């Protein structure tokens, strides 16, 4: 095998390793997000619904209709919600956990 082929092989192996690691990280984030969602959110948002305001479910359609399209948008609502929703500051719900919940919502509902 010449040096060009070795380099290509190393690059491909490194890329595949990164893809696998990224997939594993994303799966772990979603698992954590699900646990945290159940702890902090599910009492009002069971199955992605909304017991306070049924027009604002966590479904992609409803989220996007209400301008909530990204994890950052979800975290903003977690930190400063509208009427009827409990506020979760960083002391109560650290940024990492809020991000896990946001990713879980985006991927699940």
N, C-alpha and C. Protein backbone atom coordinates (compact mmCIF):
# COMPACT_ATOMS: atom_id res chain seq x y z
N UNK A 1 0.87 -1.16 0.00
CA UNK A 1 0.00 0.00 0.00
C UNK A 1 0.92 1.23 0.00
N UNK A 2 0.64 2.17 -0.94
CA UNK A 2 1.47 3.37 -0.98
C UNK A 2 0.99 4.40 0.04
N UNK A 3 1.75 5.46 0.21
CA UNK A 3 1.42 6.48 1.22
C UNK A 3 0.08 7.15 0.96
N UNK A 4 -0.30 7.34 -0.31
CA UNK A 4 -1.59 7.95 -0.64
C UNK A 4 -2.75 7.08 -0.18
N UNK A 5 -2.63 5.77 -0.40
CA UNK A 5 -3.67 4.84 0.03
C UNK A 5 -3.74 4.74 1.55
N UNK A 6 -2.58 4.78 2.22
CA UNK A 6 -2.56 4.74 3.69
C UNK A 6 -3.26 5.96 4.26
N UNK A 7 -2.95 7.12 3.68
CA UNK A 7 -3.57 8.36 4.15
C UNK A 7 -5.08 8.31 3.98
N UNK A 8 -5.53 7.83 2.82
CA UNK A 8 -6.95 7.71 2.56
C UNK A 8 -7.60 6.76 3.56
N UNK A 9 -6.95 5.65 3.83
CA UNK A 9 -7.47 4.67 4.79
C UNK A 9 -7.58 5.29 6.18
N UNK A 10 -6.55 6.02 6.61
CA UNK A 10 -6.58 6.66 7.93
C UNK A 10 -7.68 7.71 8.01
N UNK A 11 -7.82 8.49 6.94
CA UNK A 11 -8.87 9.52 6.91
C UNK A 11 -10.26 8.90 6.99
N UNK A 12 -10.47 7.83 6.23
CA UNK A 12 -11.77 7.15 6.25
C UNK A 12 -12.05 6.55 7.64
N UNK A 13 -11.04 5.94 8.23
CA UNK A 13 -11.22 5.34 9.57
C UNK A 13 -11.54 6.43 10.59
N UNK A 14 -10.83 7.55 10.50
CA UNK A 14 -11.09 8.65 11.42
C UNK A 14 -12.48 9.23 11.25
N UNK A 15 -12.91 9.38 10.00
CA UNK A 15 -14.24 9.90 9.72
C UNK A 15 -15.31 8.96 10.24
N UNK A 16 -15.15 7.68 10.01
CA UNK A 16 -16.12 6.70 10.50
C UNK A 16 -16.16 6.71 12.03
N UNK A 17 -15.01 6.82 12.65
CA UNK A 17 -14.96 6.89 14.12
C UNK A 17 -15.71 8.10 14.64
N UNK A 18 -15.55 9.23 13.96
CA UNK A 18 -16.25 10.45 14.36
C UNK A 18 -17.75 10.30 14.18
N UNK A 19 -18.18 9.69 13.11
CA UNK A 19 -19.60 9.47 12.86
C UNK A 19 -20.20 8.58 13.95
N UNK A 20 -19.51 7.51 14.28
CA UNK A 20 -19.99 6.59 15.32
C UNK A 20 -20.04 7.31 16.66
N UNK A 21 -18.99 8.06 17.00
CA UNK A 21 -18.94 8.78 18.27
C UNK A 21 -20.05 9.82 18.34
N UNK A 22 -20.29 10.53 17.25
CA UNK A 22 -21.35 11.54 17.21
C UNK A 22 -22.71 10.89 17.40
N UNK A 23 -22.94 9.78 16.72
CA UNK A 23 -24.21 9.07 16.86
C UNK A 23 -24.43 8.59 18.29
N UNK A 24 -23.36 8.10 18.90
CA UNK A 24 -23.44 7.63 20.28
C UNK A 24 -23.74 8.79 21.22
N UNK A 25 -23.08 9.93 20.99
CA UNK A 25 -23.31 11.12 21.81
C UNK A 25 -24.74 11.61 21.66
N UNK A 26 -25.24 11.64 20.44
CA UNK A 26 -26.62 12.08 20.21
C UNK A 26 -27.61 11.14 20.89
N UNK A 27 -27.37 9.86 20.82
CA UNK A 27 -28.27 8.90 21.47
C UNK A 27 -28.25 9.09 22.99
N UNK A 28 -27.08 9.33 23.55
CA UNK A 28 -26.98 9.55 24.99
C UNK A 28 -27.71 10.84 25.39
N UNK A 29 -27.56 11.88 24.57
CA UNK A 29 -28.24 13.15 24.83
C UNK A 29 -29.75 12.95 24.82
N UNK A 30 -30.24 12.21 23.85
CA UNK A 30 -31.69 11.97 23.77
C UNK A 30 -32.18 11.14 24.95
N UNK A 31 -31.40 10.16 25.38
CA UNK A 31 -31.78 9.36 26.54
C UNK A 31 -31.84 10.22 27.80
N UNK A 32 -30.83 11.07 27.98
CA UNK A 32 -30.82 11.97 29.13
C UNK A 32 -31.99 12.94 29.03
N UNK A 33 -32.21 13.45 27.83
CA UNK A 33 -33.30 14.39 27.61
C UNK A 33 -34.65 13.79 27.93
N UNK A 34 -34.83 12.52 27.59
CA UNK A 34 -36.09 11.85 27.88
C UNK A 34 -36.31 11.75 29.40
N UNK A 35 -35.27 11.35 30.11
CA UNK A 35 -35.37 11.24 31.57
C UNK A 35 -35.67 12.60 32.19
N UNK A 36 -34.97 13.63 31.74
CA UNK A 36 -35.16 14.98 32.27
C UNK A 36 -36.51 15.55 31.88
N UNK A 37 -36.97 15.25 30.66
CA UNK A 37 -38.30 15.67 30.22
C UNK A 37 -39.36 15.07 31.14
N UNK A 38 -39.23 13.78 31.43
CA UNK A 38 -40.19 13.12 32.31
C UNK A 38 -40.19 13.74 33.70
N UNK A 39 -39.01 14.14 34.17
CA UNK A 39 -38.90 14.73 35.51
C UNK A 39 -39.48 16.15 35.56
N UNK A 40 -39.18 16.97 34.58
CA UNK A 40 -39.52 18.39 34.65
C UNK A 40 -40.74 18.80 33.83
N UNK A 41 -41.06 18.06 32.77
CA UNK A 41 -42.03 18.57 31.79
C UNK A 41 -43.28 17.72 31.61
N UNK A 42 -43.15 16.42 31.79
CA UNK A 42 -44.23 15.50 31.41
C UNK A 42 -45.53 15.71 32.16
N UNK A 43 -45.48 16.28 33.35
CA UNK A 43 -46.72 16.47 34.09
C UNK A 43 -47.68 17.41 33.35
N UNK A 44 -47.14 18.35 32.60
CA UNK A 44 -47.99 19.26 31.80
C UNK A 44 -47.93 18.94 30.30
N UNK A 45 -46.85 18.28 29.88
CA UNK A 45 -46.65 18.01 28.45
C UNK A 45 -46.56 16.52 28.15
N UNK A 46 -47.40 15.73 28.79
CA UNK A 46 -47.40 14.28 28.54
C UNK A 46 -47.62 14.02 27.06
N UNK A 47 -46.83 13.12 26.51
CA UNK A 47 -46.91 12.74 25.09
C UNK A 47 -46.83 13.95 24.16
N UNK A 48 -46.18 15.03 24.63
CA UNK A 48 -46.01 16.21 23.80
C UNK A 48 -47.20 17.15 23.79
N UNK A 49 -48.19 16.87 24.60
CA UNK A 49 -49.37 17.72 24.66
C UNK A 49 -49.12 18.96 25.51
N UNK A 50 -50.20 19.63 25.88
CA UNK A 50 -50.10 20.81 26.74
C UNK A 50 -51.42 20.94 27.48
N UNK A 51 -51.43 20.62 28.78
CA UNK A 51 -52.69 20.64 29.54
C UNK A 51 -53.17 22.06 29.83
N UNK A 52 -52.26 23.04 29.78
CA UNK A 52 -52.63 24.43 30.07
C UNK A 52 -53.15 25.13 28.81
N UNK A 53 -52.45 24.93 27.69
CA UNK A 53 -52.83 25.57 26.44
C UNK A 53 -52.73 24.56 25.30
N UNK A 54 -53.81 23.85 25.02
CA UNK A 54 -53.80 22.79 24.01
C UNK A 54 -53.38 23.25 22.61
N UNK A 55 -53.40 24.56 22.35
CA UNK A 55 -52.97 25.07 21.04
C UNK A 55 -51.45 25.15 20.93
N UNK A 56 -50.76 24.98 22.05
CA UNK A 56 -49.30 25.07 22.05
C UNK A 56 -48.69 23.74 22.52
N UNK A 57 -48.92 22.71 21.73
CA UNK A 57 -48.32 21.41 22.05
C UNK A 57 -46.85 21.44 21.64
N UNK A 58 -46.17 20.36 21.89
CA UNK A 58 -44.77 20.25 21.52
C UNK A 58 -44.59 19.65 20.13
N UNK A 59 -45.68 19.42 19.41
CA UNK A 59 -45.57 18.88 18.06
C UNK A 59 -44.83 19.87 17.17
N UNK A 60 -44.13 19.36 16.20
CA UNK A 60 -43.36 20.21 15.28
C UNK A 60 -44.27 21.26 14.64
N UNK A 61 -45.44 20.84 14.22
CA UNK A 61 -46.38 21.76 13.57
C UNK A 61 -46.74 22.92 14.50
N UNK A 62 -47.14 22.61 15.73
CA UNK A 62 -47.52 23.66 16.69
C UNK A 62 -46.32 24.51 17.09
N UNK A 63 -45.18 23.86 17.31
CA UNK A 63 -43.97 24.63 17.68
C UNK A 63 -43.63 25.64 16.60
N UNK A 64 -43.57 25.17 15.37
CA UNK A 64 -43.19 26.06 14.28
C UNK A 64 -44.23 27.15 14.05
N UNK A 65 -45.50 26.82 14.23
CA UNK A 65 -46.55 27.82 14.10
C UNK A 65 -46.40 28.92 15.15
N UNK A 66 -45.80 28.56 16.29
CA UNK A 66 -45.58 29.52 17.37
C UNK A 66 -44.14 30.06 17.39
N UNK A 67 -43.40 29.85 16.30
CA UNK A 67 -42.05 30.40 16.17
C UNK A 67 -40.98 29.68 16.97
N UNK A 68 -41.25 28.45 17.36
CA UNK A 68 -40.29 27.67 18.15
C UNK A 68 -39.72 26.59 17.23
N UNK A 69 -38.50 26.86 16.72
CA UNK A 69 -37.93 25.97 15.72
C UNK A 69 -36.61 25.32 16.12
N UNK A 70 -35.95 25.88 17.11
CA UNK A 70 -34.61 25.40 17.48
C UNK A 70 -34.55 25.07 18.97
N UNK A 71 -33.47 24.37 19.33
CA UNK A 71 -33.23 24.08 20.75
C UNK A 71 -33.11 25.39 21.53
N UNK A 72 -32.46 26.37 20.93
CA UNK A 72 -32.31 27.68 21.59
C UNK A 72 -33.68 28.30 21.88
N UNK A 73 -34.61 28.17 20.93
CA UNK A 73 -35.98 28.69 21.14
C UNK A 73 -36.66 27.99 22.32
N UNK A 74 -36.48 26.68 22.40
CA UNK A 74 -37.11 25.92 23.49
C UNK A 74 -36.50 26.31 24.83
N UNK A 75 -35.19 26.45 24.88
CA UNK A 75 -34.52 26.83 26.12
C UNK A 75 -34.98 28.23 26.56
N UNK A 76 -35.17 29.12 25.60
CA UNK A 76 -35.65 30.47 25.93
C UNK A 76 -37.02 30.39 26.63
N UNK A 77 -37.88 29.51 26.15
CA UNK A 77 -39.21 29.34 26.77
C UNK A 77 -39.07 28.69 28.15
N UNK A 78 -38.18 27.72 28.27
CA UNK A 78 -37.94 27.07 29.57
C UNK A 78 -37.52 28.13 30.59
N UNK A 79 -36.67 29.05 30.17
CA UNK A 79 -36.14 30.08 31.07
C UNK A 79 -37.12 31.21 31.35
N UNK A 80 -37.94 31.55 30.35
CA UNK A 80 -38.87 32.67 30.50
C UNK A 80 -40.19 32.32 29.81
N UNK A 81 -40.97 31.45 30.45
CA UNK A 81 -42.20 30.95 29.81
C UNK A 81 -43.34 31.95 29.86
N UNK A 82 -44.36 31.63 29.12
CA UNK A 82 -45.57 32.43 29.16
C UNK A 82 -46.43 32.05 30.35
N UNK A 83 -47.58 32.64 30.39
CA UNK A 83 -48.51 32.40 31.48
C UNK A 83 -48.89 30.92 31.56
N UNK A 84 -48.90 30.40 32.78
CA UNK A 84 -49.34 29.03 33.01
C UNK A 84 -48.23 28.01 33.06
N UNK A 85 -47.01 28.39 32.64
CA UNK A 85 -45.90 27.44 32.65
C UNK A 85 -44.91 27.84 33.73
N UNK A 86 -44.41 26.86 34.45
CA UNK A 86 -43.39 27.12 35.47
C UNK A 86 -42.08 27.54 34.81
N UNK A 87 -41.38 28.46 35.46
CA UNK A 87 -40.08 28.90 34.98
C UNK A 87 -39.00 27.99 35.56
N UNK A 88 -38.04 27.62 34.74
CA UNK A 88 -36.91 26.81 35.17
C UNK A 88 -35.63 27.60 34.92
N UNK A 89 -35.09 28.22 35.99
CA UNK A 89 -33.85 28.96 35.86
C UNK A 89 -32.67 27.99 35.83
N UNK A 90 -31.46 28.53 35.60
CA UNK A 90 -30.29 27.66 35.49
C UNK A 90 -29.95 26.93 36.78
N UNK A 91 -30.34 27.49 37.90
CA UNK A 91 -30.09 26.83 39.18
C UNK A 91 -30.97 25.58 39.30
N UNK A 92 -32.22 25.70 38.85
CA UNK A 92 -33.16 24.59 38.91
C UNK A 92 -32.89 23.56 37.82
N UNK A 93 -32.60 24.06 36.62
CA UNK A 93 -32.38 23.21 35.45
C UNK A 93 -31.14 23.72 34.72
N UNK A 94 -29.98 23.13 35.01
CA UNK A 94 -28.74 23.59 34.37
C UNK A 94 -28.82 23.57 32.84
N UNK A 95 -27.97 24.37 32.23
CA UNK A 95 -27.98 24.56 30.78
C UNK A 95 -27.87 23.24 30.02
N UNK A 96 -27.01 22.34 30.47
CA UNK A 96 -26.85 21.05 29.79
C UNK A 96 -28.15 20.27 29.81
N UNK A 97 -28.82 20.23 30.95
CA UNK A 97 -30.08 19.50 31.05
C UNK A 97 -31.16 20.17 30.20
N UNK A 98 -31.21 21.49 30.21
CA UNK A 98 -32.19 22.20 29.37
C UNK A 98 -31.93 21.88 27.90
N UNK A 99 -30.67 21.83 27.52
CA UNK A 99 -30.32 21.48 26.14
C UNK A 99 -30.72 20.05 25.79
N UNK A 100 -30.52 19.12 26.72
CA UNK A 100 -30.93 17.73 26.50
C UNK A 100 -32.43 17.64 26.29
N UNK A 101 -33.19 18.37 27.11
CA UNK A 101 -34.65 18.37 26.99
C UNK A 101 -35.05 18.96 25.64
N UNK A 102 -34.43 20.06 25.27
CA UNK A 102 -34.76 20.71 23.99
C UNK A 102 -34.50 19.77 22.81
N UNK A 103 -33.36 19.09 22.83
CA UNK A 103 -33.05 18.14 21.74
C UNK A 103 -34.04 16.98 21.73
N UNK A 104 -34.40 16.50 22.90
CA UNK A 104 -35.38 15.43 23.00
C UNK A 104 -36.71 15.87 22.39
N UNK A 105 -37.16 17.07 22.72
CA UNK A 105 -38.42 17.59 22.18
C UNK A 105 -38.34 17.69 20.66
N UNK A 106 -37.25 18.25 20.15
CA UNK A 106 -37.11 18.40 18.69
C UNK A 106 -37.12 17.06 17.96
N UNK A 107 -36.50 16.06 18.54
CA UNK A 107 -36.40 14.75 17.88
C UNK A 107 -37.61 13.85 18.11
N UNK A 108 -38.41 14.14 19.14
CA UNK A 108 -39.48 13.22 19.53
C UNK A 108 -40.86 13.66 19.07
N UNK A 109 -41.14 14.93 19.13
CA UNK A 109 -42.51 15.36 18.90
C UNK A 109 -42.70 16.08 17.58
